[in-house]
Protein backbone atom coordinates (compact mmCIF):
# COMPACT_ATOMS: atom_id res chain seq x y z
CA MET A 1 -141.39 -25.66 -151.45
CA ARG A 2 -142.12 -22.42 -153.13
CA ARG A 3 -143.35 -20.38 -156.03
CA ARG A 4 -141.98 -17.10 -156.86
CA ALA A 5 -144.12 -14.73 -157.92
CA ARG A 6 -144.35 -13.89 -161.51
CA CYS A 7 -142.57 -11.25 -162.95
CA GLY A 8 -141.90 -9.84 -166.03
CA ALA A 9 -140.43 -12.07 -169.48
CA LEU A 10 -137.15 -10.26 -169.64
CA ALA A 11 -136.53 -10.74 -165.55
CA ALA A 12 -137.76 -14.24 -165.99
CA LEU A 13 -134.78 -14.62 -169.01
CA GLY A 14 -132.61 -13.12 -167.00
CA VAL A 15 -132.35 -15.22 -164.09
CA TRP A 16 -132.59 -18.39 -166.31
CA LEU A 17 -129.09 -17.08 -168.19
CA ALA A 18 -127.64 -16.49 -164.46
CA LEU A 19 -128.08 -20.03 -163.19
CA PRO A 20 -125.57 -22.52 -162.75
CA GLY A 21 -126.87 -24.88 -165.08
CA ALA A 22 -127.57 -23.30 -168.09
CA ALA A 23 -125.15 -23.88 -169.88
CA ARG A 24 -125.76 -21.63 -173.10
CA ALA A 25 -123.56 -21.72 -176.36
CA GLY A 26 -123.78 -18.51 -178.22
CA ASN A 27 -123.64 -19.70 -181.71
CA GLY A 28 -126.58 -20.14 -183.49
CA ASP A 29 -125.70 -20.90 -187.13
CA GLY A 30 -124.85 -24.54 -186.24
CA ILE A 31 -126.83 -25.64 -189.22
CA LEU A 32 -126.38 -24.05 -193.15
CA VAL A 33 -130.28 -24.89 -194.00
CA GLY A 34 -131.36 -25.09 -197.92
CA ASN A 35 -129.91 -27.34 -200.70
CA GLU A 36 -127.28 -25.23 -202.31
CA ALA A 37 -126.25 -23.92 -198.86
CA ALA A 38 -125.00 -27.15 -197.74
CA MET A 39 -122.92 -27.85 -200.34
CA THR A 40 -121.01 -24.20 -200.24
CA GLY A 41 -120.69 -23.08 -197.32
CA GLY A 42 -123.86 -20.79 -196.62
CA ALA A 43 -122.29 -18.57 -199.15
CA VAL A 44 -125.69 -18.11 -200.72
CA SER A 45 -126.75 -14.56 -200.40
CA ALA A 46 -125.97 -12.90 -203.32
CA VAL A 47 -126.66 -15.52 -205.76
CA VAL A 48 -129.77 -17.49 -204.19
CA ARG A 49 -132.73 -17.86 -206.13
CA ASP A 50 -134.62 -20.59 -205.16
CA GLY A 51 -136.86 -21.47 -202.44
CA SER A 52 -134.02 -21.53 -199.14
CA GLY A 53 -134.09 -17.50 -200.04
CA ALA A 54 -136.80 -16.77 -197.93
CA TRP A 55 -134.08 -17.50 -195.19
CA TYR A 56 -130.81 -16.12 -196.71
CA ASN A 57 -131.99 -13.19 -198.99
CA PRO A 58 -136.05 -12.81 -200.11
CA ALA A 59 -134.70 -10.54 -202.98
CA GLY A 60 -133.43 -13.85 -204.80
CA LEU A 61 -136.59 -15.23 -204.70
CA ALA A 62 -137.52 -12.43 -207.92
CA SER A 63 -134.72 -14.61 -209.81
CA VAL A 64 -136.98 -17.94 -209.67
CA ASP A 65 -138.26 -19.21 -213.15
CA ARG A 66 -139.72 -22.62 -211.64
CA ALA A 67 -142.22 -23.18 -208.96
CA ALA A 68 -140.38 -25.56 -206.50
CA VAL A 69 -141.11 -27.94 -203.79
CA ASP A 70 -137.69 -28.09 -201.29
CA VAL A 71 -137.03 -30.76 -198.54
CA ASN A 72 -133.88 -31.59 -197.16
CA GLY A 73 -131.82 -31.66 -193.79
CA SER A 74 -128.55 -33.60 -192.07
CA ALA A 75 -129.10 -37.35 -192.77
CA LEU A 76 -126.55 -37.85 -189.74
CA GLN A 77 -124.42 -34.87 -187.56
CA ILE A 78 -121.74 -36.75 -185.41
CA ARG A 79 -120.41 -33.98 -182.79
CA ALA A 80 -118.10 -34.57 -180.59
CA ALA A 81 -116.27 -32.51 -177.66
CA GLU A 82 -113.30 -33.25 -175.61
CA GLU A 83 -113.29 -31.08 -172.22
CA GLY A 84 -109.89 -31.19 -170.47
CA GLY A 85 -109.64 -31.04 -166.89
CA LEU A 86 -113.55 -30.61 -166.37
CA ILE A 87 -113.13 -31.23 -162.45
CA SER A 88 -109.90 -30.86 -160.90
CA SER A 89 -109.15 -29.93 -157.44
CA THR A 90 -106.93 -27.65 -155.77
CA THR A 91 -104.20 -30.21 -154.55
CA GLY A 92 -104.17 -30.84 -158.33
CA GLU A 93 -106.09 -33.71 -159.55
CA SER A 94 -108.20 -33.67 -162.52
CA ASN A 95 -110.42 -36.19 -164.65
CA ASP A 96 -111.77 -34.95 -168.23
CA GLY A 97 -115.18 -34.42 -169.73
CA GLY A 98 -116.87 -35.07 -173.32
CA TYR A 99 -119.52 -36.69 -174.83
CA LEU A 100 -120.37 -37.45 -178.18
CA GLU A 101 -124.00 -36.59 -179.85
CA LEU A 102 -125.35 -38.46 -182.68
CA LEU A 103 -128.12 -36.90 -184.25
CA SER A 104 -130.64 -36.65 -187.39
CA ILE A 105 -131.58 -33.26 -188.02
CA PRO A 106 -134.52 -31.75 -190.47
CA SER A 107 -133.32 -28.43 -191.72
CA ALA A 108 -135.82 -26.57 -193.64
CA ALA A 109 -139.09 -27.34 -196.18
CA THR A 110 -140.25 -25.07 -198.90
CA ILE A 111 -142.19 -24.22 -201.45
CA ALA A 112 -141.87 -21.56 -204.10
CA ARG A 113 -144.10 -20.41 -205.84
CA ARG A 114 -143.96 -17.61 -209.20
CA LEU A 115 -146.69 -15.55 -209.16
CA GLU A 116 -145.67 -13.59 -212.33
CA PRO A 117 -141.89 -12.56 -213.88
CA GLY A 118 -140.22 -11.19 -211.72
CA ILE A 119 -142.26 -11.86 -208.67
CA THR A 120 -141.86 -14.61 -206.40
CA LEU A 121 -143.90 -15.52 -202.82
CA ALA A 122 -142.07 -18.64 -200.76
CA PHE A 123 -143.19 -19.95 -197.51
CA GLY A 124 -140.70 -22.34 -195.52
CA ILE A 125 -139.84 -24.03 -192.09
CA PHE A 126 -136.40 -23.59 -191.25
CA ALA A 127 -134.75 -25.27 -188.46
CA PRO A 128 -130.77 -23.28 -188.02
CA ARG A 129 -130.29 -24.18 -184.53
CA PHE A 130 -130.20 -27.77 -183.39
CA GLY A 131 -128.59 -30.01 -180.84
CA SER A 132 -128.58 -32.39 -177.49
CA HIS A 133 -126.13 -33.99 -175.48
CA THR A 134 -124.90 -35.22 -172.06
CA THR A 135 -121.52 -35.12 -169.87
CA ARG A 136 -120.32 -36.84 -166.54
CA THR A 137 -117.55 -36.90 -165.13
CA GLY A 138 -116.37 -37.40 -161.25
CA LEU A 139 -112.77 -36.79 -159.33
CA ASP A 140 -111.55 -38.58 -156.10
CA ALA A 141 -108.99 -36.07 -154.01
CA ASP A 142 -107.12 -36.47 -150.69
CA SER A 143 -106.13 -33.24 -148.43
CA GLY A 144 -104.60 -34.65 -145.30
CA ASP A 145 -106.98 -36.32 -143.51
CA ASN A 146 -109.38 -35.47 -145.27
CA ARG A 147 -110.77 -37.42 -148.65
CA ALA A 148 -113.33 -35.92 -151.24
CA ARG A 149 -115.65 -37.64 -153.55
CA TRP A 150 -117.28 -35.03 -156.28
CA THR A 151 -119.70 -35.94 -159.80
CA LEU A 152 -120.71 -33.79 -162.37
CA SER A 153 -123.08 -34.16 -165.01
CA SER A 154 -125.05 -32.07 -167.08
CA ALA A 155 -127.30 -32.33 -170.01
CA GLU A 156 -128.70 -29.50 -172.79
CA PHE A 157 -130.78 -29.10 -175.43
CA ARG A 158 -131.21 -26.60 -178.00
CA ALA A 159 -134.01 -26.05 -180.61
CA THR A 160 -134.92 -23.04 -182.75
CA TYR A 161 -137.64 -23.03 -185.57
CA HIS A 162 -138.69 -20.83 -187.50
CA ALA A 163 -141.31 -20.42 -190.11
CA GLY A 164 -143.20 -18.32 -192.44
CA GLY A 165 -142.90 -16.23 -195.64
CA ALA A 166 -141.00 -14.33 -198.50
CA LEU A 167 -141.74 -12.59 -201.32
CA GLY A 168 -139.46 -11.69 -204.20
CA VAL A 169 -139.95 -8.81 -206.65
CA ARG A 170 -137.76 -7.43 -209.45
CA ILE A 171 -138.08 -3.89 -209.89
CA SER A 172 -135.63 -3.76 -212.55
CA ASP A 173 -132.82 -5.55 -214.84
CA GLN A 174 -130.22 -4.66 -212.29
CA LEU A 175 -132.25 -4.23 -208.62
CA ARG A 176 -133.83 -6.71 -207.26
CA PHE A 177 -136.08 -6.18 -203.51
CA GLY A 178 -137.48 -9.06 -201.09
CA VAL A 179 -139.32 -8.70 -197.25
CA SER A 180 -139.46 -11.89 -195.19
CA LEU A 181 -141.55 -12.47 -192.11
CA PHE A 182 -141.42 -15.12 -189.24
CA GLY A 183 -142.62 -16.45 -186.54
CA VAL A 184 -139.91 -18.31 -184.25
CA TYR A 185 -140.21 -21.12 -181.52
CA ARG A 186 -137.16 -21.69 -179.48
CA GLU A 187 -136.84 -24.43 -176.77
CA SER A 188 -134.08 -25.14 -174.22
CA SER A 189 -133.89 -27.56 -171.38
CA ASP A 190 -131.05 -27.55 -168.87
CA THR A 191 -130.03 -30.14 -166.33
CA TYR A 192 -127.18 -30.41 -164.22
CA GLN A 193 -126.43 -32.32 -160.63
CA SER A 194 -122.74 -31.80 -158.45
CA SER A 195 -122.71 -33.46 -155.68
CA GLY A 196 -119.43 -34.29 -153.15
CA ALA A 197 -118.97 -36.44 -150.04
CA PHE A 198 -116.53 -35.62 -147.53
CA GLU A 199 -114.94 -37.58 -145.25
CA LEU A 200 -113.39 -35.63 -142.44
CA GLY A 201 -110.69 -36.25 -140.82
CA ASP A 202 -112.67 -35.84 -137.12
CA GLY A 203 -115.06 -38.30 -138.17
CA ARG A 204 -117.28 -36.98 -139.60
CA THR A 205 -119.00 -37.30 -143.05
CA ARG A 206 -120.24 -34.40 -145.12
CA VAL A 207 -122.42 -34.66 -148.23
CA ARG A 208 -123.36 -31.44 -150.75
CA SER A 209 -125.59 -31.95 -153.80
CA GLN A 210 -126.63 -28.86 -155.90
CA GLY A 211 -129.10 -29.64 -159.10
CA GLY A 212 -131.59 -28.21 -161.15
CA ILE A 213 -133.24 -28.63 -164.33
CA VAL A 214 -134.19 -25.14 -166.17
CA GLN A 215 -136.79 -25.51 -169.27
CA VAL A 216 -137.37 -22.24 -171.28
CA ARG A 217 -140.04 -22.32 -174.39
CA SER A 218 -141.07 -18.93 -176.51
CA ALA A 219 -142.36 -17.89 -179.36
CA GLY A 220 -142.05 -14.63 -181.20
CA LEU A 221 -141.53 -13.14 -184.73
CA GLU A 222 -137.99 -11.55 -187.02
CA LEU A 223 -138.65 -9.68 -189.93
CA GLY A 224 -136.07 -9.54 -192.89
CA LEU A 225 -135.22 -7.64 -196.20
CA GLY A 226 -132.89 -8.09 -199.08
CA LEU A 227 -131.45 -6.01 -202.12
CA GLN A 228 -129.90 -7.97 -204.70
CA TRP A 229 -128.34 -5.25 -207.24
CA GLU A 230 -126.34 -6.73 -210.53
CA PRO A 231 -124.21 -3.33 -211.51
CA HIS A 232 -122.83 -5.55 -214.66
CA PRO A 233 -124.02 -8.86 -215.80
CA GLY A 234 -123.15 -11.74 -213.42
CA VAL A 235 -121.73 -9.27 -210.54
CA ILE A 236 -124.26 -9.55 -208.00
CA ILE A 237 -124.36 -7.27 -204.30
CA GLY A 238 -126.47 -8.45 -201.93
CA LEU A 239 -127.45 -6.72 -198.45
CA THR A 240 -129.53 -8.30 -195.77
CA GLY A 241 -130.77 -7.31 -192.67
CA ARG A 242 -132.68 -9.37 -189.93
CA SER A 243 -134.88 -7.67 -187.07
CA PRO A 244 -133.78 -8.24 -183.45
CA GLY A 245 -136.07 -11.07 -182.60
CA LEU A 246 -138.89 -9.81 -180.37
CA GLU A 247 -140.21 -12.45 -177.79
CA LEU A 248 -144.36 -12.29 -177.83
CA LEU A 249 -144.52 -15.13 -175.04
CA THR A 250 -141.76 -16.44 -173.14
CA GLN A 251 -142.29 -19.82 -170.55
CA ILE A 252 -140.01 -20.39 -167.77
CA ARG A 253 -139.71 -23.30 -165.15
CA ALA A 254 -136.81 -23.51 -163.24
CA THR A 255 -136.15 -26.40 -160.23
CA GLU A 256 -133.34 -25.78 -158.36
CA THR A 257 -132.51 -28.06 -155.48
CA ASP A 258 -129.44 -27.76 -151.98
CA LEU A 259 -128.56 -30.06 -149.99
CA ASP A 260 -126.19 -30.03 -147.09
CA LEU A 261 -125.64 -32.92 -144.44
CA THR A 262 -123.61 -33.91 -141.94
CA VAL A 263 -123.55 -36.56 -140.35
CA SER A 264 -121.32 -38.00 -137.10
CA ASP A 265 -121.57 -41.25 -135.02
CA GLY A 266 -123.68 -42.75 -137.64
CA ALA A 267 -126.15 -39.26 -136.94
CA ALA A 268 -126.98 -36.13 -138.96
CA ASP A 269 -125.57 -33.34 -136.96
CA MET A 270 -126.70 -30.73 -139.72
CA LEU A 271 -129.49 -31.57 -142.39
CA GLU A 272 -129.73 -27.91 -144.31
CA PHE A 273 -132.61 -29.15 -147.55
CA ARG A 274 -133.37 -25.95 -149.92
CA PRO A 275 -135.68 -26.63 -152.97
CA GLU A 276 -136.95 -23.55 -155.06
CA ASP A 277 -139.43 -23.70 -158.03
CA ALA A 278 -139.76 -20.65 -160.47
CA GLU A 279 -142.76 -20.98 -162.94
CA THR A 280 -143.99 -17.71 -165.36
CA LEU A 281 -146.20 -17.28 -168.37
CA ASP A 282 -145.24 -13.55 -169.19
CA PRO A 283 -147.29 -12.71 -173.05
CA ALA A 284 -145.06 -9.43 -172.78
CA VAL A 285 -142.98 -8.15 -175.53
CA THR A 286 -138.99 -8.59 -175.13
CA VAL A 287 -135.80 -7.93 -177.35
CA LEU A 288 -133.95 -11.57 -177.22
CA THR A 289 -132.18 -11.09 -179.88
CA THR A 290 -130.01 -8.70 -181.47
CA GLY A 291 -130.49 -7.75 -185.29
CA ARG A 292 -127.98 -8.90 -188.32
CA PHE A 293 -126.94 -7.65 -191.45
CA ASN A 294 -124.76 -8.93 -194.20
CA LEU A 295 -123.02 -8.32 -196.96
CA SER A 296 -122.03 -9.94 -200.05
CA PHE A 297 -120.63 -10.26 -203.12
CA GLY A 298 -121.25 -12.98 -206.00
CA HIS A 299 -120.11 -13.81 -209.43
CA ARG A 300 -122.23 -16.02 -212.16
CA PHE A 301 -120.40 -17.02 -215.21
CA ALA A 302 -121.56 -19.70 -218.33
CA ARG A 303 -121.05 -23.15 -215.82
CA GLY A 304 -121.69 -21.57 -212.00
CA TRP A 305 -120.68 -18.92 -209.81
CA VAL A 306 -118.05 -18.15 -206.71
CA ALA A 307 -119.36 -16.27 -203.48
CA ALA A 308 -118.21 -14.82 -200.31
CA GLU A 309 -120.61 -12.78 -197.56
CA LEU A 310 -119.51 -10.66 -194.46
CA ASP A 311 -122.45 -11.51 -191.74
CA LEU A 312 -122.58 -9.20 -188.63
CA GLN A 313 -124.36 -8.92 -185.66
CA LEU A 314 -125.05 -6.34 -183.02
CA PRO A 315 -123.80 -6.77 -179.76
CA ARG A 316 -126.07 -6.50 -176.81
CA GLU A 317 -125.91 -4.25 -173.70
CA LEU A 318 -129.79 -4.74 -172.73
CA GLU A 319 -130.52 -5.33 -168.76
CA PRO A 320 -130.65 -8.12 -166.47
CA LEU A 321 -129.52 -10.21 -170.06
CA PRO A 322 -125.85 -10.80 -170.39
CA ARG A 323 -123.61 -8.68 -172.31
CA ARG A 324 -122.71 -9.77 -175.80
CA ARG A 325 -120.23 -9.27 -178.07
CA PHE A 326 -120.05 -7.84 -181.60
CA VAL A 327 -120.12 -11.11 -183.82
CA TRP A 328 -118.51 -11.38 -187.46
CA ASN A 329 -118.40 -14.92 -189.13
CA VAL A 330 -117.53 -15.18 -193.24
CA ARG A 331 -118.19 -17.44 -195.48
CA VAL A 332 -116.82 -18.49 -198.69
CA GLY A 333 -118.46 -20.86 -201.68
CA GLY A 334 -119.14 -21.57 -205.29
CA ARG A 335 -120.35 -23.57 -207.56
CA TYR A 336 -119.90 -25.43 -210.98
CA GLU A 337 -121.88 -27.29 -213.31
CA ILE A 338 -120.24 -30.12 -214.63
CA ASP A 339 -122.79 -31.22 -217.08
CA GLU A 340 -126.59 -30.48 -217.39
CA ARG A 341 -127.55 -33.06 -214.85
CA LEU A 342 -124.87 -32.72 -212.14
CA GLY A 343 -123.30 -29.55 -210.33
CA ILE A 344 -120.66 -29.74 -207.66
CA GLY A 345 -119.76 -27.21 -204.74
CA ALA A 346 -117.81 -26.13 -202.34
CA GLY A 347 -117.21 -23.66 -199.45
CA PHE A 348 -115.50 -22.34 -196.18
CA PHE A 349 -117.19 -20.93 -192.94
CA THR A 350 -117.06 -19.77 -189.87
CA ASP A 351 -119.41 -20.17 -186.53
CA LEU A 352 -118.38 -17.39 -184.53
CA SER A 353 -119.92 -18.14 -180.99
CA GLU A 354 -121.15 -14.06 -178.78
CA GLY A 355 -118.58 -13.51 -176.22
CA GLU A 356 -120.73 -14.45 -173.39
CA PRO A 357 -118.13 -14.55 -170.06
CA ILE A 358 -118.16 -18.38 -168.33
CA GLU A 359 -120.05 -18.23 -165.29
CA GLY A 360 -122.28 -21.51 -165.29
CA LEU A 361 -121.53 -24.99 -165.02
CA GLY A 362 -121.10 -26.20 -169.08
CA GLN A 363 -121.70 -22.82 -170.28
CA THR A 364 -119.75 -22.98 -173.11
CA GLN A 365 -118.19 -20.78 -175.47
CA VAL A 366 -116.47 -21.93 -178.93
CA ASP A 367 -115.58 -20.55 -182.52
CA PHE A 368 -115.94 -22.44 -184.90
CA VAL A 369 -114.43 -22.80 -188.73
CA GLY A 370 -115.15 -25.86 -191.46
CA TRP A 371 -115.52 -26.78 -195.11
CA THR A 372 -118.14 -28.20 -196.63
CA ALA A 373 -118.45 -29.85 -200.29
CA GLY A 374 -121.34 -31.45 -202.05
CA PHE A 375 -123.52 -32.65 -205.48
CA GLU A 376 -126.31 -31.86 -206.77
CA TYR A 377 -127.84 -34.40 -209.37
CA ARG A 378 -131.16 -33.45 -211.98
CA THR A 379 -133.28 -35.87 -213.65
CA PRO A 380 -135.37 -34.32 -215.91
CA HIS A 381 -138.16 -35.52 -217.57
CA GLN A 382 -141.14 -35.01 -220.24
CA LEU A 383 -144.77 -33.99 -219.36
CA GLY A 384 -146.21 -34.74 -222.72
CA GLU A 385 -145.19 -35.04 -226.56
CA ASN A 386 -145.55 -31.34 -226.18
CA GLU A 387 -143.81 -30.35 -223.69
CA ASP A 388 -139.88 -29.45 -222.79
CA ALA A 389 -138.18 -32.04 -221.67
CA SER A 390 -137.09 -30.55 -218.70
CA SER A 391 -140.95 -28.78 -217.66
CA LEU A 392 -140.48 -31.44 -214.66
CA ILE A 393 -137.01 -31.38 -212.53
CA PHE A 394 -136.33 -34.01 -210.15
CA SER A 395 -133.12 -32.70 -208.21
CA THR A 396 -131.05 -34.39 -204.78
CA THR A 397 -128.29 -33.28 -203.23
CA ALA A 398 -125.97 -35.24 -200.93
CA ALA A 399 -123.47 -32.78 -199.12
CA LEU A 400 -120.69 -33.16 -196.78
CA ARG A 401 -120.18 -30.30 -193.80
CA TYR A 402 -116.85 -30.63 -190.91
CA ALA A 403 -116.43 -28.02 -188.25
CA ILE A 404 -114.03 -27.90 -185.73
CA GLY A 405 -114.41 -25.45 -182.85
CA TRP A 406 -112.09 -24.17 -179.99
CA GLY A 407 -113.14 -22.33 -176.82
CA GLN A 408 -114.10 -22.63 -173.05
CA VAL A 409 -116.44 -24.51 -171.07
CA GLY A 410 -117.78 -24.29 -166.90
CA GLY A 411 -115.74 -27.02 -165.21
CA LEU A 412 -115.82 -27.48 -161.26
CA ARG A 413 -113.40 -27.23 -159.09
CA PHE A 414 -113.47 -27.66 -154.71
CA ASP A 415 -111.46 -27.98 -151.91
CA PRO A 416 -111.08 -31.87 -150.45
CA SER A 417 -110.35 -30.19 -147.70
CA ASN A 418 -113.26 -28.13 -147.08
CA GLY A 419 -116.74 -29.88 -148.35
CA THR A 420 -118.84 -25.92 -148.78
CA ALA A 421 -115.72 -24.70 -151.04
CA ARG A 422 -115.99 -24.89 -155.01
CA GLU A 423 -116.34 -22.58 -157.86
CA THR A 424 -117.21 -22.25 -161.79
CA PHE A 425 -114.09 -21.79 -163.64
CA PRO A 426 -113.69 -22.38 -167.53
CA VAL A 427 -111.33 -24.77 -168.76
CA GLY A 428 -110.53 -25.10 -172.19
CA THR A 429 -112.62 -27.48 -174.68
CA THR A 430 -112.71 -28.78 -178.33
CA ILE A 431 -115.57 -29.63 -180.53
CA HIS A 432 -115.42 -32.16 -184.04
CA GLU A 433 -118.21 -31.93 -186.05
CA LEU A 434 -119.58 -33.80 -189.26
CA GLY A 435 -122.39 -33.98 -190.71
CA LEU A 436 -124.15 -35.69 -193.83
CA HIS A 437 -126.85 -33.96 -195.76
CA ILE A 438 -129.56 -34.34 -197.69
CA GLY A 439 -131.55 -32.84 -199.81
CA SER A 440 -134.52 -33.66 -202.49
CA ALA A 441 -136.28 -30.74 -204.68
CA LEU A 442 -138.93 -31.18 -207.16
CA TYR A 443 -139.40 -27.93 -210.07
CA PHE A 444 -142.42 -28.24 -212.39
């Protein structure tokens, strides 16, 4: 086993992204953080005025009229994937893959405190991305006197956490401004194994196995800016921008094995075993993600609001990282107050992939569309005889989220007549996601 020389974090990330087992879905908004966002498809950038404004638009914090503690998460998320023909042979046989993922995800915790009228400070922890799944499949195929048996398995884990603070300031009755700064921790793990045994017509048996595990941990920073402009009472235009993700420290550990064995008359005619191990820990500045912008429109009326927004992510053309396309997403949602205690909401959203070409086993490129619906129930409590009845409010939110995605995943094709001939190729995949969001808040 040999250890490669330490290199820069950017080059190391490029190597990781090129590994066969690095399954990388490009979607970064798989979880809607915040209670109101979970109800309304995330379409809150123009109208947000609680602690989740630290994430969606820090300018909205300037409209906070009560201090608040907000804790929420996905009590249950189910993710089911169908991967037709994930493994196949050149003679036409194929077998499907897929997985069923069941997770409980804590998505956000925030605290917002109004320093004075029109100035609010908030701190929060957000988890916009979290996923874990394992896929296993296999196939037997014949070609003349040759018989081949292949197995394929892969496992993926992804998690991203943001922790930091934001400040919202009311500049005038029509204009609000905000700024946020987050520390970002990303963790991922990819494991893959493909093995084949080939019974050749001349009595020999050939065994080929390739596998690996890649672990990446990184820490960095992201800066956000936000505006809310209200040119007419109730009509709001929001604009937010987020800086590129600057990775300050990256740790990568990659281990690969490649076994090629030929057996004849019970003895090994040929044996090649090629293990490789690489580890880097680099305190270097790396631009891992591009900046993004959001333009939103909202209208508040007496008993609720409606809003729509367009989210834009810039393309990436930074060597040696893979090129990624320009990505746009839309969100539309609304909220209606039935009475002082009960409010309902619904929304529609898209979550499109960054369009990275399929090059590795298990690598995914999927575009999602979905809807949300939910309610918030508020319970006011009087603290004392001289206190207002709504001076302390407990809030509970429940929301459903469903999304369906279509795209491609990296599959395996092999030639049963040749034990070394195999290739990665894209196959179609469909993914269904169903989540239950439960959140609570205390306003005081």
